[in-house]
Amino acid sequence: MFAQRLVEGRYPGMGETIRAEGDRIAALLDAGERWWDESWAAWRPDPAWPTPRLPAGWAAVPCCLSAADPTSAADPTTMTDGRR
């Protein structure tokens, strides 16, 4: 799927960098390590922070793009490969 996304023009000039990062993470996992800082597992937001609210009309913002035409909005319940 990644190769197809590159053909579609996504991630211009970033293919090798993305592959290298994937290889780096795979090597860590193969070695039984994690790529993230373990301290994040215990992180909690400050209880004094307000709960964020979704903006008005948030559901009307297109969340998915058509694979054939990345400038057009598609059915937001359908992924670009046709899955729901």
N, C-alpha and C. Protein backbone atom coordinates (compact mmCIF):
# COMPACT_ATOMS: atom_id res chain seq x y z
N MET A 1 0.82 -1.18 0.00
CA MET A 1 0.00 0.00 0.00
C MET A 1 0.88 1.26 0.00
N PHE A 2 1.99 1.22 0.72
CA PHE A 2 2.87 2.39 0.77
C PHE A 2 3.39 2.72 -0.63
N ALA A 3 3.78 1.70 -1.37
CA ALA A 3 4.27 1.93 -2.74
C ALA A 3 3.20 2.60 -3.59
N GLN A 4 1.95 2.19 -3.43
CA GLN A 4 0.85 2.80 -4.18
C GLN A 4 0.69 4.26 -3.80
N ARG A 5 0.80 4.56 -2.53
CA ARG A 5 0.67 5.95 -2.09
C ARG A 5 1.78 6.81 -2.70
N LEU A 6 2.96 6.27 -2.83
CA LEU A 6 4.05 7.02 -3.46
C LEU A 6 3.73 7.28 -4.93
N VAL A 7 3.17 6.27 -5.62
CA VAL A 7 2.78 6.43 -7.03
C VAL A 7 1.72 7.52 -7.16
N GLU A 8 0.83 7.61 -6.19
CA GLU A 8 -0.23 8.61 -6.20
C GLU A 8 0.29 10.02 -5.94
N GLY A 9 1.56 10.12 -5.56
CA GLY A 9 2.14 11.43 -5.31
C GLY A 9 2.12 11.88 -3.86
N ARG A 10 1.73 10.98 -2.99
CA ARG A 10 1.75 11.32 -1.56
C ARG A 10 3.19 11.23 -1.07
N TYR A 11 3.52 11.96 -0.07
CA TYR A 11 4.84 11.95 0.55
C TYR A 11 5.95 12.27 -0.46
N PRO A 12 5.81 13.36 -1.22
CA PRO A 12 6.81 13.66 -2.24
C PRO A 12 8.22 13.83 -1.65
N GLY A 13 9.16 13.09 -2.21
CA GLY A 13 10.54 13.17 -1.78
C GLY A 13 10.83 12.57 -0.43
N MET A 14 9.85 11.88 0.16
CA MET A 14 10.01 11.35 1.52
C MET A 14 10.04 9.83 1.57
N GLY A 15 9.91 9.15 0.45
CA GLY A 15 9.81 7.70 0.43
C GLY A 15 10.95 6.99 1.15
N GLU A 16 12.17 7.35 0.83
CA GLU A 16 13.33 6.68 1.44
C GLU A 16 13.42 6.97 2.94
N THR A 17 13.11 8.19 3.33
CA THR A 17 13.15 8.55 4.75
C THR A 17 12.10 7.77 5.53
N ILE A 18 10.91 7.65 4.97
CA ILE A 18 9.84 6.90 5.63
C ILE A 18 10.20 5.42 5.72
N ARG A 19 10.73 4.86 4.65
CA ARG A 19 11.15 3.44 4.68
C ARG A 19 12.25 3.23 5.72
N ALA A 20 13.21 4.14 5.77
CA ALA A 20 14.31 4.01 6.74
C ALA A 20 13.78 4.05 8.18
N GLU A 21 12.82 4.93 8.44
CA GLU A 21 12.24 5.01 9.78
C GLU A 21 11.48 3.73 10.10
N GLY A 22 10.75 3.20 9.14
CA GLY A 22 10.06 1.93 9.35
C GLY A 22 11.03 0.80 9.65
N ASP A 23 12.14 0.78 8.93
CA ASP A 23 13.17 -0.24 9.17
C ASP A 23 13.78 -0.09 10.57
N ARG A 24 14.00 1.17 10.97
CA ARG A 24 14.57 1.43 12.31
C ARG A 24 13.63 0.93 13.39
N ILE A 25 12.34 1.23 13.26
CA ILE A 25 11.36 0.79 14.26
C ILE A 25 11.21 -0.72 14.25
N ALA A 26 11.21 -1.33 13.07
CA ALA A 26 11.12 -2.79 12.98
C ALA A 26 12.29 -3.45 13.69
N ALA A 27 13.49 -2.89 13.54
CA ALA A 27 14.68 -3.45 14.20
C ALA A 27 14.54 -3.35 15.72
N LEU A 28 14.01 -2.24 16.21
CA LEU A 28 13.80 -2.10 17.65
C LEU A 28 12.81 -3.14 18.15
N LEU A 29 11.71 -3.30 17.43
CA LEU A 29 10.70 -4.29 17.83
C LEU A 29 11.26 -5.70 17.79
N ASP A 30 12.04 -6.00 16.76
CA ASP A 30 12.66 -7.32 16.66
C ASP A 30 13.59 -7.59 17.84
N ALA A 31 14.19 -6.51 18.37
CA ALA A 31 15.10 -6.64 19.52
C ALA A 31 14.35 -6.60 20.85
N GLY A 32 13.01 -6.53 20.79
CA GLY A 32 12.22 -6.50 22.01
C GLY A 32 12.17 -5.14 22.67
N GLU A 33 12.50 -4.10 21.93
CA GLU A 33 12.50 -2.74 22.48
C GLU A 33 11.30 -1.96 21.94
N ARG A 34 11.11 -0.79 22.50
CA ARG A 34 10.04 0.10 22.04
C ARG A 34 10.66 1.37 21.49
N TRP A 35 9.94 2.04 20.60
CA TRP A 35 10.48 3.25 19.99
C TRP A 35 10.02 4.52 20.69
N TRP A 36 9.18 4.38 21.69
CA TRP A 36 8.70 5.56 22.40
C TRP A 36 9.27 5.60 23.80
N ASP A 37 9.21 6.77 24.39
CA ASP A 37 9.66 6.98 25.76
C ASP A 37 8.62 6.37 26.70
N GLU A 38 9.04 5.45 27.54
CA GLU A 38 8.13 4.75 28.45
C GLU A 38 7.39 5.70 29.39
N SER A 39 7.93 6.87 29.64
CA SER A 39 7.27 7.79 30.57
C SER A 39 5.92 8.25 30.04
N TRP A 40 5.71 8.18 28.71
CA TRP A 40 4.42 8.57 28.16
C TRP A 40 3.29 7.65 28.61
N ALA A 41 3.60 6.42 28.97
CA ALA A 41 2.56 5.47 29.40
C ALA A 41 1.86 5.95 30.68
N ALA A 42 2.54 6.72 31.49
CA ALA A 42 1.98 7.19 32.75
C ALA A 42 1.48 8.63 32.67
N TRP A 43 1.64 9.29 31.53
CA TRP A 43 1.25 10.69 31.40
C TRP A 43 -0.25 10.86 31.54
N ARG A 44 -0.64 11.87 32.27
CA ARG A 44 -2.05 12.25 32.40
C ARG A 44 -2.11 13.76 32.30
N PRO A 45 -3.16 14.29 31.67
CA PRO A 45 -3.28 15.74 31.59
C PRO A 45 -3.56 16.35 32.96
N ASP A 46 -3.20 17.58 33.11
CA ASP A 46 -3.45 18.31 34.35
C ASP A 46 -4.97 18.36 34.58
N PRO A 47 -5.45 17.90 35.72
CA PRO A 47 -6.90 17.92 35.98
C PRO A 47 -7.51 19.32 35.91
N ALA A 48 -6.70 20.35 36.05
CA ALA A 48 -7.21 21.73 35.99
C ALA A 48 -7.45 22.18 34.55
N TRP A 49 -6.92 21.45 33.58
CA TRP A 49 -7.13 21.83 32.18
C TRP A 49 -8.60 21.65 31.81
N PRO A 50 -9.13 22.57 31.02
CA PRO A 50 -10.52 22.41 30.58
C PRO A 50 -10.62 21.29 29.55
N THR A 51 -11.78 20.66 29.50
CA THR A 51 -12.01 19.63 28.50
C THR A 51 -12.22 20.29 27.15
N PRO A 52 -11.45 19.93 26.13
CA PRO A 52 -11.64 20.54 24.81
C PRO A 52 -13.01 20.21 24.24
N ARG A 53 -13.56 21.12 23.46
CA ARG A 53 -14.86 20.90 22.82
C ARG A 53 -14.66 20.92 21.32
N LEU A 54 -15.43 20.10 20.64
CA LEU A 54 -15.38 20.10 19.18
C LEU A 54 -16.03 21.37 18.65
N PRO A 55 -15.47 21.93 17.59
CA PRO A 55 -16.06 23.15 17.04
C PRO A 55 -17.40 22.86 16.36
N ALA A 56 -18.24 23.88 16.26
CA ALA A 56 -19.52 23.74 15.56
C ALA A 56 -19.24 23.31 14.13
N GLY A 57 -20.04 22.38 13.63
CA GLY A 57 -19.90 21.92 12.26
C GLY A 57 -18.76 20.95 12.02
N TRP A 58 -18.16 20.43 13.09
CA TRP A 58 -17.00 19.54 12.93
C TRP A 58 -17.33 18.32 12.07
N ALA A 59 -18.55 17.82 12.14
CA ALA A 59 -18.91 16.61 11.39
C ALA A 59 -19.01 16.88 9.89
N ALA A 60 -19.11 18.14 9.49
CA ALA A 60 -19.23 18.47 8.08
C ALA A 60 -17.87 18.59 7.39
N VAL A 61 -16.79 18.54 8.16
CA VAL A 61 -15.46 18.65 7.58
C VAL A 61 -15.08 17.30 6.99
N PRO A 62 -14.71 17.24 5.69
CA PRO A 62 -14.36 15.94 5.10
C PRO A 62 -13.14 15.35 5.79
N CYS A 63 -13.24 14.08 6.14
CA CYS A 63 -12.12 13.43 6.82
C CYS A 63 -11.35 12.50 5.90
N CYS A 64 -11.91 12.17 4.75
CA CYS A 64 -11.27 11.21 3.86
C CYS A 64 -11.21 11.79 2.45
N LEU A 65 -10.16 11.47 1.75
CA LEU A 65 -10.02 11.94 0.38
C LEU A 65 -10.12 10.77 -0.57
N SER A 66 -10.61 11.04 -1.75
CA SER A 66 -10.68 10.02 -2.78
C SER A 66 -9.27 9.71 -3.26
N ALA A 67 -8.94 8.44 -3.40
CA ALA A 67 -7.62 8.06 -3.89
C ALA A 67 -7.43 8.53 -5.33
N ALA A 68 -8.51 8.58 -6.10
CA ALA A 68 -8.42 9.00 -7.49
C ALA A 68 -8.23 10.51 -7.60
N ASP A 69 -8.85 11.27 -6.70
CA ASP A 69 -8.76 12.72 -6.75
C ASP A 69 -8.55 13.25 -5.34
N PRO A 70 -7.29 13.42 -4.92
CA PRO A 70 -7.02 13.82 -3.54
C PRO A 70 -7.52 15.22 -3.19
N THR A 71 -8.03 15.98 -4.16
CA THR A 71 -8.56 17.30 -3.86
C THR A 71 -10.05 17.28 -3.58
N SER A 72 -10.69 16.13 -3.77
CA SER A 72 -12.14 16.07 -3.55
C SER A 72 -12.46 15.27 -2.30
N ALA A 73 -13.53 15.65 -1.65
CA ALA A 73 -13.97 14.93 -0.45
C ALA A 73 -14.76 13.71 -0.87
N ALA A 74 -14.57 12.63 -0.16
CA ALA A 74 -15.30 11.40 -0.41
C ALA A 74 -16.26 11.15 0.75
N ASP A 75 -17.00 10.08 0.67
CA ASP A 75 -17.88 9.68 1.76
C ASP A 75 -17.02 9.51 3.01
N PRO A 76 -17.26 10.28 4.08
CA PRO A 76 -16.39 10.22 5.25
C PRO A 76 -16.46 8.89 5.99
N THR A 77 -17.43 8.03 5.67
CA THR A 77 -17.50 6.73 6.33
C THR A 77 -16.76 5.67 5.54
N THR A 78 -16.20 6.03 4.38
CA THR A 78 -15.50 5.07 3.54
C THR A 78 -14.03 5.45 3.47
N MET A 79 -13.16 4.48 3.69
CA MET A 79 -11.74 4.71 3.58
C MET A 79 -11.36 4.75 2.09
N THR A 80 -10.17 5.25 1.80
CA THR A 80 -9.77 5.43 0.40
C THR A 80 -9.68 4.11 -0.35
N ASP A 81 -9.59 2.99 0.35
CA ASP A 81 -9.53 1.70 -0.36
C ASP A 81 -10.90 1.04 -0.43
N GLY A 82 -11.97 1.77 -0.07
CA GLY A 82 -13.33 1.26 -0.19
C GLY A 82 -13.87 0.63 1.07
N ARG A 83 -13.01 0.38 2.08
CA ARG A 83 -13.52 -0.22 3.32
C ARG A 83 -14.33 0.80 4.10
N ARG A 84 -15.23 0.32 4.93
CA ARG A 84 -16.00 1.20 5.81
C ARG A 84 -15.59 0.96 7.22
